[in-house]
Amino acid sequence: MRRNWLASAAVAAVAISVPVTAVTGPTFAGTAQAATLSGQQKTTQASPASTPRRVPVTWNMLAAARAKGLVGRPYVWGGNTIHGFDCSGLTQWVYGHTSHGKHIQRTAEAQFLEFRRISHARARPGDLVFFHVTSYPGSYVYHVGVYEGGEYMVAATTYGEGVRYQSFAWGGNTVTFGTITH
């Protein structure tokens, strides 16, 4: 009997601690229902502590989403329009067409020199991923993409592949990150 009561209490406690709404959804105090091990339903009033907080949408988040929206567009050497992009044309277009736009330089190397270098741990989706010719972070930058989190980015790759959501792990120790927003 005591074991069933403890199990019921544990299940109810877990169910109550799960947010009732999505993180970006409206915040409200509602009711949560949990099924106990005995099959009974238990209704509990949600407390303000269990109600999720709104997550602010940052400029970087908007830039990362804008870049993802371009996946599938064609690769065009020197391209910087929605009709086709090269790598730095893509990053320039994304930054220029995201909420009140940010003008950035045209080439991957010029963008690298314009951005402040940060570690992978400090990078946020929407920052840029730079690819160097060697593992020396001051070496020439030949490729750039929009960081999406983890080991992923959106980049204009090559003819036939176009703009893709892909891992940047292939760059190994030649990859650096840059920001102009934080």
N, C-alpha and C. Protein backbone atom coordinates (compact mmCIF):
# COMPACT_ATOMS: atom_id res chain seq x y z
N MET A 1 0.82 -1.19 0.00
CA MET A 1 0.00 0.00 0.00
C MET A 1 0.86 1.25 0.00
N ARG A 2 1.84 1.29 0.92
CA ARG A 2 2.73 2.44 1.01
C ARG A 2 3.52 2.59 -0.30
N ARG A 3 3.95 1.48 -0.89
CA ARG A 3 4.72 1.52 -2.14
C ARG A 3 3.86 2.12 -3.26
N ASN A 4 2.58 1.74 -3.37
CA ASN A 4 1.69 2.31 -4.38
C ASN A 4 1.50 3.81 -4.16
N TRP A 5 1.36 4.22 -2.92
CA TRP A 5 1.18 5.64 -2.63
C TRP A 5 2.42 6.43 -3.04
N LEU A 6 3.63 5.90 -2.73
CA LEU A 6 4.88 6.59 -3.11
C LEU A 6 5.01 6.65 -4.63
N ALA A 7 4.67 5.58 -5.31
CA ALA A 7 4.76 5.58 -6.78
C ALA A 7 3.78 6.60 -7.36
N SER A 8 2.56 6.67 -6.82
CA SER A 8 1.58 7.64 -7.29
C SER A 8 2.06 9.06 -7.07
N ALA A 9 2.63 9.30 -5.93
CA ALA A 9 3.14 10.64 -5.62
C ALA A 9 4.28 11.01 -6.56
N ALA A 10 5.15 10.08 -6.87
CA ALA A 10 6.29 10.35 -7.76
C ALA A 10 5.80 10.67 -9.17
N VAL A 11 4.84 9.89 -9.68
CA VAL A 11 4.31 10.14 -11.01
C VAL A 11 3.63 11.51 -11.06
N ALA A 12 2.85 11.83 -10.05
CA ALA A 12 2.16 13.13 -10.00
C ALA A 12 3.16 14.27 -9.94
N ALA A 13 4.23 14.10 -9.16
CA ALA A 13 5.25 15.16 -9.04
C ALA A 13 5.94 15.39 -10.37
N VAL A 14 6.25 14.34 -11.10
CA VAL A 14 6.90 14.48 -12.40
C VAL A 14 5.95 15.16 -13.38
N ALA A 15 4.70 14.75 -13.39
CA ALA A 15 3.73 15.34 -14.32
C ALA A 15 3.52 16.82 -14.04
N ILE A 16 3.54 17.22 -12.80
CA ILE A 16 3.34 18.62 -12.45
C ILE A 16 4.53 19.45 -12.86
N SER A 17 5.75 18.89 -12.84
CA SER A 17 6.94 19.66 -13.17
C SER A 17 7.13 19.85 -14.66
N VAL A 18 6.37 19.15 -15.49
CA VAL A 18 6.46 19.30 -16.93
C VAL A 18 5.68 20.55 -17.33
N PRO A 19 6.27 21.46 -18.14
CA PRO A 19 5.56 22.68 -18.53
C PRO A 19 4.26 22.35 -19.26
N VAL A 20 3.24 23.17 -19.02
CA VAL A 20 1.93 22.98 -19.62
C VAL A 20 1.92 23.53 -21.04
N THR A 21 2.72 24.57 -21.33
CA THR A 21 2.75 25.18 -22.66
C THR A 21 4.14 25.10 -23.23
N ALA A 22 4.25 25.39 -24.53
CA ALA A 22 5.55 25.44 -25.17
C ALA A 22 6.33 26.62 -24.62
N VAL A 23 7.65 26.58 -24.79
CA VAL A 23 8.50 27.63 -24.25
C VAL A 23 8.16 28.99 -24.86
N THR A 24 7.83 29.02 -26.14
CA THR A 24 7.53 30.29 -26.77
C THR A 24 6.04 30.59 -26.80
N GLY A 25 5.22 29.70 -26.22
CA GLY A 25 3.78 29.90 -26.22
C GLY A 25 3.35 30.86 -25.13
N PRO A 26 2.05 31.04 -25.01
CA PRO A 26 1.56 31.95 -23.98
C PRO A 26 1.81 31.39 -22.59
N THR A 27 1.96 32.27 -21.64
CA THR A 27 2.14 31.82 -20.27
C THR A 27 0.83 31.97 -19.53
N PHE A 28 0.40 30.90 -18.86
CA PHE A 28 -0.82 30.95 -18.08
C PHE A 28 -0.78 29.87 -17.01
N ALA A 29 -1.56 30.06 -15.99
CA ALA A 29 -1.68 29.06 -14.94
C ALA A 29 -2.90 28.23 -15.25
N GLY A 30 -2.69 26.95 -15.45
CA GLY A 30 -3.80 26.06 -15.79
C GLY A 30 -3.79 24.86 -14.89
N THR A 31 -4.33 23.78 -15.37
CA THR A 31 -4.33 22.56 -14.59
C THR A 31 -3.52 21.51 -15.32
N ALA A 32 -2.92 20.64 -14.56
CA ALA A 32 -2.16 19.54 -15.12
C ALA A 32 -2.79 18.25 -14.62
N GLN A 33 -2.88 17.27 -15.50
CA GLN A 33 -3.43 15.99 -15.08
C GLN A 33 -2.34 14.95 -15.18
N ALA A 34 -2.28 14.08 -14.18
CA ALA A 34 -1.29 13.02 -14.16
C ALA A 34 -2.00 11.71 -13.90
N ALA A 35 -1.58 10.69 -14.60
CA ALA A 35 -2.14 9.36 -14.35
C ALA A 35 -1.29 8.70 -13.28
N THR A 36 -1.93 8.16 -12.28
CA THR A 36 -1.20 7.45 -11.24
C THR A 36 -1.01 6.01 -11.68
N LEU A 37 -0.16 5.29 -10.98
CA LEU A 37 0.08 3.90 -11.31
C LEU A 37 -1.18 3.05 -11.16
N SER A 38 -2.10 3.49 -10.35
CA SER A 38 -3.34 2.73 -10.16
C SER A 38 -4.37 3.06 -11.23
N GLY A 39 -4.02 3.93 -12.20
CA GLY A 39 -4.92 4.25 -13.30
C GLY A 39 -5.84 5.41 -13.02
N GLN A 40 -5.78 6.00 -11.85
CA GLN A 40 -6.64 7.13 -11.52
C GLN A 40 -6.06 8.41 -12.09
N GLN A 41 -6.92 9.37 -12.37
CA GLN A 41 -6.47 10.69 -12.82
C GLN A 41 -6.42 11.62 -11.62
N LYS A 42 -5.39 12.40 -11.54
CA LYS A 42 -5.27 13.37 -10.47
C LYS A 42 -5.10 14.74 -11.11
N THR A 43 -5.95 15.69 -10.77
CA THR A 43 -5.88 17.04 -11.32
C THR A 43 -5.25 17.95 -10.28
N THR A 44 -4.25 18.71 -10.73
CA THR A 44 -3.53 19.59 -9.83
C THR A 44 -3.44 20.97 -10.46
N GLN A 45 -3.58 22.00 -9.66
CA GLN A 45 -3.45 23.37 -10.15
C GLN A 45 -1.99 23.66 -10.44
N ALA A 46 -1.68 24.20 -11.62
CA ALA A 46 -0.30 24.55 -11.97
C ALA A 46 0.10 25.79 -11.20
N SER A 47 1.31 25.79 -10.71
CA SER A 47 1.80 26.93 -9.95
C SER A 47 2.61 27.84 -10.87
N PRO A 48 2.79 29.09 -10.50
CA PRO A 48 3.60 29.99 -11.33
C PRO A 48 5.01 29.47 -11.55
N ALA A 49 5.55 28.72 -10.61
CA ALA A 49 6.91 28.20 -10.75
C ALA A 49 6.99 27.18 -11.88
N SER A 50 5.89 26.47 -12.18
CA SER A 50 5.94 25.48 -13.24
C SER A 50 5.53 26.06 -14.59
N THR A 51 5.09 27.30 -14.63
CA THR A 51 4.70 27.94 -15.87
C THR A 51 5.96 28.46 -16.55
N PRO A 52 6.17 28.09 -17.83
CA PRO A 52 7.41 28.51 -18.50
C PRO A 52 7.44 30.01 -18.74
N ARG A 53 8.63 30.52 -18.85
CA ARG A 53 8.81 31.94 -19.16
C ARG A 53 8.95 32.10 -20.66
N ARG A 54 8.59 33.26 -21.14
CA ARG A 54 8.78 33.55 -22.56
C ARG A 54 10.27 33.69 -22.84
N VAL A 55 10.70 33.13 -23.94
CA VAL A 55 12.09 33.25 -24.35
C VAL A 55 12.16 34.39 -25.36
N PRO A 56 12.99 35.41 -25.10
CA PRO A 56 13.07 36.51 -26.06
C PRO A 56 13.69 36.03 -27.37
N VAL A 57 13.17 36.53 -28.46
CA VAL A 57 13.71 36.21 -29.77
C VAL A 57 14.79 37.24 -30.08
N THR A 58 16.01 36.78 -30.32
CA THR A 58 17.12 37.67 -30.58
C THR A 58 17.32 37.87 -32.08
N TRP A 59 18.10 38.87 -32.43
CA TRP A 59 18.43 39.11 -33.83
C TRP A 59 19.14 37.89 -34.40
N ASN A 60 20.05 37.29 -33.62
CA ASN A 60 20.76 36.11 -34.08
C ASN A 60 19.81 34.96 -34.43
N MET A 61 18.78 34.76 -33.58
CA MET A 61 17.81 33.70 -33.85
C MET A 61 17.09 33.95 -35.17
N LEU A 62 16.74 35.20 -35.42
CA LEU A 62 16.07 35.56 -36.67
C LEU A 62 16.99 35.32 -37.87
N ALA A 63 18.27 35.66 -37.72
CA ALA A 63 19.23 35.44 -38.81
C ALA A 63 19.39 33.95 -39.10
N ALA A 64 19.48 33.13 -38.05
CA ALA A 64 19.62 31.68 -38.23
C ALA A 64 18.38 31.12 -38.94
N ALA A 65 17.20 31.59 -38.56
CA ALA A 65 15.96 31.13 -39.20
C ALA A 65 15.90 31.59 -40.65
N ARG A 66 16.33 32.81 -40.92
CA ARG A 66 16.33 33.34 -42.29
C ARG A 66 17.25 32.47 -43.16
N ALA A 67 18.42 32.10 -42.63
CA ALA A 67 19.35 31.26 -43.39
C ALA A 67 18.73 29.90 -43.68
N LYS A 68 18.09 29.28 -42.70
CA LYS A 68 17.44 27.98 -42.91
C LYS A 68 16.37 28.07 -43.99
N GLY A 69 15.71 29.20 -44.08
CA GLY A 69 14.68 29.39 -45.09
C GLY A 69 15.22 29.43 -46.51
N LEU A 70 16.53 29.56 -46.66
CA LEU A 70 17.15 29.63 -47.99
C LEU A 70 17.70 28.29 -48.46
N VAL A 71 17.60 27.27 -47.61
CA VAL A 71 18.08 25.93 -47.99
C VAL A 71 17.36 25.49 -49.26
N GLY A 72 18.14 25.01 -50.21
CA GLY A 72 17.59 24.57 -51.49
C GLY A 72 17.80 25.57 -52.62
N ARG A 73 18.14 26.81 -52.28
CA ARG A 73 18.42 27.81 -53.32
C ARG A 73 19.69 27.39 -54.07
N PRO A 74 19.82 27.78 -55.33
CA PRO A 74 20.98 27.34 -56.12
C PRO A 74 22.28 28.08 -55.74
N TYR A 75 23.40 27.42 -56.06
CA TYR A 75 24.72 28.04 -55.93
C TYR A 75 25.00 28.80 -57.22
N VAL A 76 25.42 30.05 -57.07
CA VAL A 76 25.85 30.87 -58.20
C VAL A 76 27.12 31.57 -57.78
N TRP A 77 28.21 31.37 -58.53
CA TRP A 77 29.48 32.02 -58.19
C TRP A 77 29.26 33.53 -58.25
N GLY A 78 29.59 34.24 -57.16
CA GLY A 78 29.40 35.68 -57.08
C GLY A 78 27.97 36.08 -56.77
N GLY A 79 27.09 35.10 -56.55
CA GLY A 79 25.68 35.39 -56.34
C GLY A 79 25.38 35.89 -54.93
N ASN A 80 24.52 36.90 -54.86
CA ASN A 80 24.09 37.40 -53.56
C ASN A 80 22.63 37.83 -53.60
N THR A 81 21.82 37.07 -54.37
CA THR A 81 20.37 37.30 -54.41
C THR A 81 19.68 35.96 -54.21
N ILE A 82 18.36 36.00 -53.99
CA ILE A 82 17.62 34.76 -53.78
C ILE A 82 17.61 33.87 -55.02
N HIS A 83 18.07 34.39 -56.14
CA HIS A 83 18.16 33.59 -57.37
C HIS A 83 19.40 32.71 -57.35
N GLY A 84 20.32 32.96 -56.45
CA GLY A 84 21.53 32.15 -56.31
C GLY A 84 22.57 32.83 -55.45
N PHE A 85 23.30 32.03 -54.68
CA PHE A 85 24.28 32.55 -53.73
C PHE A 85 25.60 31.82 -53.85
N ASP A 86 26.69 32.54 -53.55
CA ASP A 86 27.92 31.86 -53.17
C ASP A 86 27.98 32.00 -51.65
N CYS A 87 29.01 31.47 -51.00
CA CYS A 87 28.99 31.41 -49.53
C CYS A 87 28.91 32.78 -48.87
N SER A 88 29.76 33.71 -49.28
CA SER A 88 29.75 35.02 -48.63
C SER A 88 28.57 35.87 -49.09
N GLY A 89 28.06 35.62 -50.30
CA GLY A 89 26.86 36.31 -50.75
C GLY A 89 25.66 35.90 -49.90
N LEU A 90 25.62 34.63 -49.51
CA LEU A 90 24.55 34.14 -48.64
C LEU A 90 24.59 34.83 -47.29
N THR A 91 25.77 34.86 -46.66
CA THR A 91 25.86 35.47 -45.33
C THR A 91 25.57 36.96 -45.40
N GLN A 92 26.05 37.63 -46.45
CA GLN A 92 25.77 39.06 -46.61
C GLN A 92 24.28 39.29 -46.79
N TRP A 93 23.61 38.46 -47.60
CA TRP A 93 22.17 38.62 -47.83
C TRP A 93 21.39 38.37 -46.55
N VAL A 94 21.73 37.31 -45.82
CA VAL A 94 21.03 36.99 -44.57
C VAL A 94 21.15 38.16 -43.59
N TYR A 95 22.36 38.67 -43.40
CA TYR A 95 22.54 39.77 -42.45
C TYR A 95 21.84 41.04 -42.92
N GLY A 96 21.83 41.29 -44.21
CA GLY A 96 21.19 42.49 -44.73
C GLY A 96 19.68 42.43 -44.76
N HIS A 97 19.11 41.22 -44.74
CA HIS A 97 17.65 41.06 -44.85
C HIS A 97 17.01 40.51 -43.58
N THR A 98 17.69 40.61 -42.47
CA THR A 98 17.13 40.19 -41.20
C THR A 98 16.83 41.43 -40.39
N SER A 99 15.62 41.54 -39.89
CA SER A 99 15.15 42.60 -39.01
C SER A 99 16.07 43.81 -38.91
N HIS A 100 15.78 44.84 -39.62
CA HIS A 100 16.55 46.09 -39.65
C HIS A 100 17.95 45.92 -40.20
N GLY A 101 18.23 44.83 -40.87
CA GLY A 101 19.48 44.56 -41.58
C GLY A 101 20.77 45.07 -40.98
N LYS A 102 21.81 44.32 -41.21
CA LYS A 102 23.17 44.70 -40.82
C LYS A 102 24.02 44.55 -42.06
N HIS A 103 24.62 45.64 -42.48
CA HIS A 103 25.48 45.59 -43.66
C HIS A 103 26.82 44.99 -43.28
N ILE A 104 27.21 43.93 -43.99
CA ILE A 104 28.54 43.34 -43.77
C ILE A 104 29.27 43.27 -45.10
N GLN A 105 30.56 43.09 -45.04
CA GLN A 105 31.41 43.05 -46.22
C GLN A 105 31.01 41.90 -47.15
N ARG A 106 31.57 41.88 -48.37
CA ARG A 106 31.12 40.95 -49.40
C ARG A 106 31.85 39.61 -49.40
N THR A 107 33.14 39.57 -49.11
CA THR A 107 33.87 38.30 -49.22
C THR A 107 34.04 37.64 -47.85
N ALA A 108 34.30 36.33 -47.87
CA ALA A 108 34.49 35.58 -46.62
C ALA A 108 35.65 36.15 -45.82
N GLU A 109 36.75 36.47 -46.46
CA GLU A 109 37.92 37.03 -45.77
C GLU A 109 37.59 38.39 -45.16
N ALA A 110 36.91 39.25 -45.92
CA ALA A 110 36.54 40.58 -45.40
C ALA A 110 35.55 40.46 -44.24
N GLN A 111 34.63 39.51 -44.31
CA GLN A 111 33.70 39.29 -43.21
C GLN A 111 34.45 38.82 -41.96
N PHE A 112 35.41 37.93 -42.14
CA PHE A 112 36.21 37.45 -41.01
C PHE A 112 36.93 38.62 -40.33
N LEU A 113 37.49 39.51 -41.12
CA LEU A 113 38.22 40.65 -40.55
C LEU A 113 37.28 41.64 -39.87
N GLU A 114 36.03 41.69 -40.29
CA GLU A 114 35.04 42.60 -39.72
C GLU A 114 34.45 42.06 -38.41
N PHE A 115 34.35 40.75 -38.28
CA PHE A 115 33.72 40.12 -37.12
C PHE A 115 34.71 39.94 -35.98
N ARG A 116 34.17 39.89 -34.76
CA ARG A 116 34.98 39.63 -33.57
C ARG A 116 35.04 38.12 -33.37
N ARG A 117 36.25 37.60 -33.24
CA ARG A 117 36.42 36.16 -33.07
C ARG A 117 35.93 35.72 -31.70
N ILE A 118 35.20 34.59 -31.68
CA ILE A 118 34.71 34.00 -30.43
C ILE A 118 34.94 32.49 -30.48
N SER A 119 34.84 31.85 -29.34
CA SER A 119 35.00 30.40 -29.28
C SER A 119 33.72 29.72 -29.73
N HIS A 120 33.83 28.45 -30.05
CA HIS A 120 32.65 27.66 -30.42
C HIS A 120 31.66 27.65 -29.27
N ALA A 121 32.14 27.57 -28.04
CA ALA A 121 31.26 27.55 -26.87
C ALA A 121 30.45 28.84 -26.73
N ARG A 122 30.98 29.98 -27.17
CA ARG A 122 30.28 31.26 -27.06
C ARG A 122 29.44 31.58 -28.29
N ALA A 123 29.62 30.80 -29.36
CA ALA A 123 28.88 31.06 -30.60
C ALA A 123 27.40 30.79 -30.41
N ARG A 124 26.58 31.64 -31.02
CA ARG A 124 25.13 31.50 -30.98
C ARG A 124 24.62 31.32 -32.40
N PRO A 125 23.51 30.58 -32.57
CA PRO A 125 22.95 30.50 -33.92
C PRO A 125 22.76 31.90 -34.50
N GLY A 126 23.20 32.05 -35.75
CA GLY A 126 23.16 33.35 -36.41
C GLY A 126 24.53 33.97 -36.54
N ASP A 127 25.50 33.53 -35.72
CA ASP A 127 26.89 33.97 -35.88
C ASP A 127 27.44 33.32 -37.15
N LEU A 128 28.67 33.65 -37.51
CA LEU A 128 29.26 33.07 -38.72
C LEU A 128 30.34 32.05 -38.38
N VAL A 129 30.46 31.05 -39.26
CA VAL A 129 31.48 30.01 -39.17
C VAL A 129 32.46 30.27 -40.32
N PHE A 130 33.73 30.42 -39.98
CA PHE A 130 34.75 30.71 -40.99
C PHE A 130 35.68 29.52 -41.18
N PHE A 131 36.08 29.28 -42.43
CA PHE A 131 36.98 28.18 -42.76
C PHE A 131 38.29 28.76 -43.28
N HIS A 132 39.37 28.40 -42.62
CA HIS A 132 40.71 28.90 -42.96
C HIS A 132 41.49 27.87 -43.77
N VAL A 133 42.50 28.35 -44.50
CA VAL A 133 43.31 27.43 -45.31
C VAL A 133 44.21 26.55 -44.46
N THR A 134 44.53 27.00 -43.24
CA THR A 134 45.34 26.19 -42.31
C THR A 134 44.70 26.27 -40.93
N SER A 135 45.28 25.56 -39.98
CA SER A 135 44.75 25.60 -38.61
C SER A 135 45.11 26.91 -37.90
N TYR A 136 45.97 27.72 -38.48
CA TYR A 136 46.30 29.02 -37.89
C TYR A 136 45.10 29.95 -38.09
N PRO A 137 44.50 30.45 -36.99
CA PRO A 137 43.27 31.25 -37.12
C PRO A 137 43.45 32.57 -37.86
N GLY A 138 44.68 32.99 -38.10
CA GLY A 138 44.90 34.22 -38.85
C GLY A 138 45.09 33.96 -40.33
N SER A 139 45.03 32.69 -40.75
CA SER A 139 45.24 32.37 -42.16
C SER A 139 44.01 32.78 -42.99
N TYR A 140 44.18 32.78 -44.29
CA TYR A 140 43.16 33.23 -45.22
C TYR A 140 41.87 32.43 -45.05
N VAL A 141 40.73 33.12 -45.13
CA VAL A 141 39.41 32.49 -45.03
C VAL A 141 38.87 32.29 -46.43
N TYR A 142 38.53 31.04 -46.76
CA TYR A 142 38.05 30.71 -48.10
C TYR A 142 36.56 30.34 -48.14
N HIS A 143 35.93 30.17 -46.98
CA HIS A 143 34.53 29.74 -46.95
C HIS A 143 33.88 30.25 -45.67
N VAL A 144 32.56 30.49 -45.72
CA VAL A 144 31.81 31.00 -44.57
C VAL A 144 30.39 30.44 -44.62
N GLY A 145 29.81 30.28 -43.42
CA GLY A 145 28.43 29.83 -43.32
C GLY A 145 27.77 30.47 -42.10
N VAL A 146 26.46 30.31 -41.98
CA VAL A 146 25.70 30.83 -40.85
C VAL A 146 25.56 29.71 -39.82
N TYR A 147 26.08 29.94 -38.63
CA TYR A 147 26.04 28.95 -37.56
C TYR A 147 24.60 28.69 -37.14
N GLU A 148 24.25 27.41 -36.96
CA GLU A 148 22.90 27.01 -36.55
C GLU A 148 22.87 26.33 -35.19
N GLY A 149 24.01 26.11 -34.58
CA GLY A 149 24.07 25.42 -33.29
C GLY A 149 24.73 24.07 -33.43
N GLY A 150 25.31 23.58 -32.33
CA GLY A 150 25.99 22.28 -32.36
C GLY A 150 27.12 22.29 -33.35
N GLU A 151 27.08 21.36 -34.30
CA GLU A 151 28.09 21.29 -35.36
C GLU A 151 27.46 21.58 -36.72
N TYR A 152 26.44 22.43 -36.74
CA TYR A 152 25.71 22.66 -37.99
C TYR A 152 25.70 24.12 -38.41
N MET A 153 25.59 24.28 -39.73
CA MET A 153 25.52 25.61 -40.33
C MET A 153 24.68 25.53 -41.59
N VAL A 154 24.33 26.69 -42.12
CA VAL A 154 23.74 26.80 -43.45
C VAL A 154 24.78 27.51 -44.30
N ALA A 155 25.09 26.92 -45.45
CA ALA A 155 26.12 27.51 -46.32
C ALA A 155 25.78 27.23 -47.78
N ALA A 156 26.22 28.13 -48.66
CA ALA A 156 26.14 27.90 -50.09
C ALA A 156 27.37 27.07 -50.44
N THR A 157 27.16 25.87 -50.95
CA THR A 157 28.25 24.92 -51.12
C THR A 157 28.86 24.96 -52.51
N THR A 158 28.32 24.22 -53.44
CA THR A 158 28.87 24.15 -54.80
C THR A 158 27.72 24.05 -55.79
N TYR A 159 28.08 24.12 -57.07
CA TYR A 159 27.09 23.91 -58.13
C TYR A 159 26.44 22.55 -57.93
N GLY A 160 25.17 22.47 -58.14
CA GLY A 160 24.46 21.20 -58.00
C GLY A 160 23.98 20.94 -56.58
N GLU A 161 24.66 21.47 -55.58
CA GLU A 161 24.24 21.27 -54.19
C GLU A 161 23.55 22.51 -53.63
N GLY A 162 23.99 23.68 -54.03
CA GLY A 162 23.35 24.92 -53.60
C GLY A 162 23.47 25.18 -52.11
N VAL A 163 22.47 25.84 -51.56
CA VAL A 163 22.46 26.20 -50.14
C VAL A 163 22.00 24.97 -49.35
N ARG A 164 22.81 24.59 -48.36
CA ARG A 164 22.52 23.37 -47.60
C ARG A 164 22.66 23.60 -46.10
N TYR A 165 21.89 22.82 -45.35
CA TYR A 165 22.05 22.70 -43.90
C TYR A 165 23.00 21.54 -43.73
N GLN A 166 24.17 21.78 -43.14
CA GLN A 166 25.17 20.73 -43.09
C GLN A 166 26.07 20.87 -41.87
N SER A 167 26.79 19.80 -41.56
CA SER A 167 27.77 19.83 -40.50
C SER A 167 29.01 20.55 -41.00
N PHE A 168 29.66 21.27 -40.11
CA PHE A 168 30.93 21.90 -40.48
C PHE A 168 32.11 21.11 -39.93
N ALA A 169 31.86 19.93 -39.39
CA ALA A 169 32.91 19.10 -38.81
C ALA A 169 33.99 18.75 -39.84
N TRP A 170 33.64 18.72 -41.12
CA TRP A 170 34.62 18.41 -42.15
C TRP A 170 35.77 19.42 -42.17
N GLY A 171 35.55 20.61 -41.61
CA GLY A 171 36.60 21.63 -41.57
C GLY A 171 37.66 21.38 -40.52
N GLY A 172 37.39 20.43 -39.62
CA GLY A 172 38.37 20.09 -38.58
C GLY A 172 38.81 21.30 -37.77
N ASN A 173 40.13 21.43 -37.60
CA ASN A 173 40.67 22.52 -36.78
C ASN A 173 40.93 23.79 -37.58
N THR A 174 40.34 23.92 -38.76
CA THR A 174 40.50 25.14 -39.55
C THR A 174 39.30 26.08 -39.38
N VAL A 175 38.38 25.73 -38.48
CA VAL A 175 37.13 26.48 -38.32
C VAL A 175 37.24 27.46 -37.14
N THR A 176 36.78 28.70 -37.37
CA THR A 176 36.64 29.69 -36.29
C THR A 176 35.24 30.28 -36.36
N PHE A 177 34.87 31.03 -35.32
CA PHE A 177 33.54 31.61 -35.24
C PHE A 177 33.68 33.12 -35.03
N GLY A 178 32.70 33.86 -35.55
CA GLY A 178 32.73 35.30 -35.37
C GLY A 178 31.35 35.87 -35.16
N THR A 179 31.32 37.03 -34.49
CA THR A 179 30.05 37.70 -34.20
C THR A 179 30.21 39.22 -34.35
N ILE A 180 29.09 39.88 -34.61
CA ILE A 180 29.03 41.34 -34.52
C ILE A 180 27.86 41.74 -33.64
N THR A 181 27.21 40.76 -33.00
CA THR A 181 26.01 41.07 -32.23
C THR A 181 26.13 40.89 -30.71
N HIS A 182 27.11 40.18 -30.24
CA HIS A 182 27.21 39.97 -28.80
C HIS A 182 28.66 39.91 -28.35
